[in-house]
């Protein structure tokens, strides 16, 4: 597997939502590719930080405007 192909499957890989054969190919690639290992490790850390952040809450004015627009559909 090449680095570009790994990127195609990255989201599913991180979500552990891949066919076992594809996951094995990616795991094998990462054993030999330090840049990809570093990239995925960094991405996992970033996702962890983002998951720990409080959920964004839209302002009341935005909610009201969205409701008005949706009611007009």
N, C-alpha and C. Protein backbone atom coordinates (compact mmCIF):
# COMPACT_ATOMS: atom_id res chain seq x y z
N UNK A 1 0.85 -1.18 0.00
CA UNK A 1 0.00 0.00 0.00
C UNK A 1 0.89 1.23 0.00
N UNK A 2 0.46 2.23 -0.75
CA UNK A 2 1.19 3.49 -0.81
C UNK A 2 0.51 4.51 0.11
N UNK A 3 1.28 5.53 0.44
CA UNK A 3 0.79 6.56 1.36
C UNK A 3 -0.52 7.19 0.88
N UNK A 4 -0.61 7.49 -0.40
CA UNK A 4 -1.84 8.12 -0.91
C UNK A 4 -3.05 7.21 -0.76
N UNK A 5 -2.88 5.94 -0.95
CA UNK A 5 -3.99 5.00 -0.81
C UNK A 5 -4.41 4.91 0.66
N UNK A 6 -3.43 4.98 1.55
CA UNK A 6 -3.74 4.96 2.97
C UNK A 6 -4.65 6.14 3.32
N UNK A 7 -4.35 7.31 2.77
CA UNK A 7 -5.17 8.49 3.05
C UNK A 7 -6.62 8.30 2.62
N UNK A 8 -6.82 7.56 1.55
CA UNK A 8 -8.17 7.29 1.06
C UNK A 8 -9.00 6.54 2.10
N UNK A 9 -8.33 5.71 2.88
CA UNK A 9 -9.03 4.87 3.87
C UNK A 9 -8.87 5.38 5.30
N UNK A 10 -8.27 6.55 5.46
CA UNK A 10 -7.89 7.02 6.79
C UNK A 10 -9.06 7.12 7.76
N UNK A 11 -10.15 7.73 7.35
CA UNK A 11 -11.29 7.91 8.25
C UNK A 11 -11.82 6.55 8.72
N UNK A 12 -12.02 5.64 7.79
CA UNK A 12 -12.51 4.30 8.16
C UNK A 12 -11.49 3.55 9.02
N UNK A 13 -10.22 3.77 8.77
CA UNK A 13 -9.17 3.13 9.57
C UNK A 13 -9.25 3.62 11.01
N UNK A 14 -9.35 4.92 11.18
CA UNK A 14 -9.42 5.48 12.53
C UNK A 14 -10.70 5.07 13.25
N UNK A 15 -11.77 4.90 12.51
CA UNK A 15 -13.05 4.48 13.09
C UNK A 15 -13.14 2.96 13.26
N UNK A 16 -12.09 2.26 12.85
CA UNK A 16 -12.05 0.78 12.87
C UNK A 16 -13.24 0.19 12.10
N UNK A 17 -13.47 0.78 10.93
CA UNK A 17 -14.59 0.37 10.10
C UNK A 17 -14.10 -0.04 8.71
N UNK A 18 -13.11 -0.93 8.69
CA UNK A 18 -12.53 -1.40 7.43
C UNK A 18 -12.61 -2.91 7.35
N UNK A 19 -12.60 -3.39 6.13
CA UNK A 19 -12.46 -4.84 5.94
C UNK A 19 -11.12 -5.26 6.54
N UNK A 20 -11.08 -6.42 7.17
CA UNK A 20 -9.83 -6.87 7.80
C UNK A 20 -8.62 -6.88 6.85
N UNK A 21 -8.83 -7.26 5.60
CA UNK A 21 -7.71 -7.33 4.65
C UNK A 21 -7.11 -5.94 4.40
N UNK A 22 -7.96 -4.94 4.25
CA UNK A 22 -7.47 -3.58 4.02
C UNK A 22 -6.76 -3.06 5.27
N UNK A 23 -7.34 -3.35 6.43
CA UNK A 23 -6.70 -2.93 7.68
C UNK A 23 -5.32 -3.56 7.83
N UNK A 24 -5.18 -4.82 7.47
CA UNK A 24 -3.87 -5.49 7.53
C UNK A 24 -2.88 -4.82 6.60
N UNK A 25 -3.33 -4.44 5.40
CA UNK A 25 -2.44 -3.74 4.46
C UNK A 25 -1.96 -2.41 5.04
N UNK A 26 -2.88 -1.69 5.65
CA UNK A 26 -2.50 -0.40 6.24
C UNK A 26 -1.55 -0.62 7.40
N UNK A 27 -1.85 -1.58 8.27
CA UNK A 27 -0.96 -1.87 9.40
C UNK A 27 0.43 -2.25 8.90
N UNK A 28 0.48 -3.05 7.86
CA UNK A 28 1.75 -3.47 7.29
C UNK A 28 2.52 -2.26 6.74
N UNK A 29 1.81 -1.40 6.03
CA UNK A 29 2.43 -0.20 5.47
C UNK A 29 3.01 0.67 6.59
N UNK A 30 2.25 0.83 7.65
CA UNK A 30 2.70 1.71 8.72
C UNK A 30 3.91 1.15 9.47
N UNK A 31 4.08 -0.15 9.48
CA UNK A 31 5.27 -0.72 10.10
C UNK A 31 6.53 -0.25 9.38
N UNK A 32 6.41 -0.02 8.08
CA UNK A 32 7.56 0.35 7.27
C UNK A 32 7.62 1.84 6.93
N UNK A 33 6.61 2.60 7.29
CA UNK A 33 6.53 4.01 6.86
C UNK A 33 6.40 4.93 8.08
N UNK A 34 7.53 5.45 8.50
CA UNK A 34 7.53 6.33 9.67
C UNK A 34 6.67 7.58 9.47
N UNK A 35 6.70 8.24 8.29
CA UNK A 35 5.84 9.42 8.12
C UNK A 35 4.35 9.12 8.32
N UNK A 36 3.88 7.98 7.83
CA UNK A 36 2.47 7.63 8.00
C UNK A 36 2.16 7.31 9.46
N UNK A 37 3.07 6.61 10.14
CA UNK A 37 2.88 6.32 11.56
C UNK A 37 2.79 7.62 12.36
N UNK A 38 3.68 8.54 12.07
CA UNK A 38 3.69 9.82 12.77
C UNK A 38 2.42 10.60 12.47
N UNK A 39 2.00 10.61 11.21
CA UNK A 39 0.79 11.33 10.81
C UNK A 39 -0.44 10.78 11.55
N UNK A 40 -0.59 9.47 11.58
CA UNK A 40 -1.76 8.87 12.22
C UNK A 40 -1.71 9.08 13.73
N UNK A 41 -0.54 8.97 14.33
CA UNK A 41 -0.41 9.20 15.77
C UNK A 41 -0.82 10.65 16.10
N UNK A 42 -0.34 11.59 15.30
CA UNK A 42 -0.68 12.99 15.52
C UNK A 42 -2.17 13.24 15.32
N UNK A 43 -2.73 12.64 14.29
CA UNK A 43 -4.16 12.80 14.03
C UNK A 43 -5.00 12.22 15.17
N UNK A 44 -4.60 11.08 15.69
CA UNK A 44 -5.33 10.48 16.83
C UNK A 44 -5.28 11.40 18.05
N UNK A 45 -4.12 11.98 18.31
CA UNK A 45 -4.01 12.92 19.43
C UNK A 45 -4.89 14.13 19.21
N UNK A 46 -4.90 14.65 18.00
CA UNK A 46 -5.73 15.81 17.67
C UNK A 46 -7.20 15.49 17.87
N UNK A 47 -7.63 14.34 17.39
CA UNK A 47 -9.03 13.94 17.55
C UNK A 47 -9.38 13.79 19.02
N UNK A 48 -8.46 13.26 19.81
CA UNK A 48 -8.69 13.13 21.25
C UNK A 48 -8.89 14.47 21.92
N UNK A 49 -8.07 15.45 21.54
CA UNK A 49 -8.20 16.80 22.09
C UNK A 49 -9.54 17.39 21.71
N UNK A 50 -9.93 17.23 20.46
CA UNK A 50 -11.20 17.79 19.99
C UNK A 50 -12.39 17.15 20.68
N UNK A 51 -12.32 15.85 20.94
CA UNK A 51 -13.43 15.16 21.61
C UNK A 51 -13.61 15.63 23.04
N UNK A 52 -12.54 16.10 23.65
CA UNK A 52 -12.63 16.57 25.04
C UNK A 52 -13.13 18.01 25.15
N UNK A 53 -13.29 18.68 24.03
CA UNK A 53 -13.76 20.06 24.05
C UNK A 53 -15.28 20.09 24.26
N UNK A 54 -15.77 21.12 24.93
CA UNK A 54 -17.23 21.21 25.10
C UNK A 54 -17.90 21.44 23.75
N UNK A 55 -19.10 20.94 23.65
CA UNK A 55 -19.86 21.09 22.40
C UNK A 55 -20.19 22.56 22.18
N UNK A 56 -20.10 22.99 20.93
CA UNK A 56 -20.46 24.37 20.59
C UNK A 56 -21.97 24.51 20.64
N UNK A 57 -22.41 25.62 21.17
CA UNK A 57 -23.84 25.90 21.27
C UNK A 57 -24.16 27.12 20.42
N UNK A 58 -25.07 26.97 19.45
CA UNK A 58 -25.42 28.14 18.63
C UNK A 58 -26.17 29.18 19.47
N UNK A 59 -25.98 30.44 19.11
CA UNK A 59 -26.69 31.52 19.79
C UNK A 59 -28.19 31.40 19.54
N UNK A 60 -28.97 31.95 20.44
CA UNK A 60 -30.43 31.89 20.34
C UNK A 60 -30.91 32.55 19.04
N UNK A 61 -30.23 33.63 18.63
CA UNK A 61 -30.65 34.33 17.40
C UNK A 61 -30.49 33.42 16.18
N UNK A 62 -29.40 32.66 16.16
CA UNK A 62 -29.17 31.76 15.04
C UNK A 62 -30.21 30.66 15.01
N UNK A 63 -30.52 30.09 16.16
CA UNK A 63 -31.55 29.05 16.24
C UNK A 63 -32.89 29.57 15.72
N UNK A 64 -33.24 30.78 16.15
CA UNK A 64 -34.52 31.36 15.72
C UNK A 64 -34.53 31.59 14.21
N UNK A 65 -33.44 32.09 13.67
CA UNK A 65 -33.37 32.33 12.22
C UNK A 65 -33.49 31.03 11.45
N UNK A 66 -32.83 29.99 11.93
CA UNK A 66 -32.91 28.69 11.26
C UNK A 66 -34.33 28.13 11.31
N UNK A 67 -34.97 28.28 12.44
CA UNK A 67 -36.37 27.80 12.55
C UNK A 67 -37.28 28.53 11.58
N UNK A 68 -37.09 29.85 11.46
CA UNK A 68 -37.93 30.63 10.53
C UNK A 68 -37.70 30.16 9.10
N UNK A 69 -36.44 29.93 8.74
CA UNK A 69 -36.13 29.48 7.37
C UNK A 69 -36.73 28.11 7.11
N UNK A 70 -36.58 27.20 8.06
CA UNK A 70 -37.11 25.86 7.86
C UNK A 70 -38.64 25.85 7.81
N UNK A 71 -39.25 26.72 8.56
CA UNK A 71 -40.72 26.80 8.54
C UNK A 71 -41.22 27.29 7.18
N UNK A 72 -40.41 28.06 6.47
CA UNK A 72 -40.79 28.57 5.16
C UNK A 72 -40.56 27.60 4.02
N UNK A 73 -39.98 26.45 4.29
CA UNK A 73 -39.68 25.47 3.22
C UNK A 73 -40.90 24.76 2.74
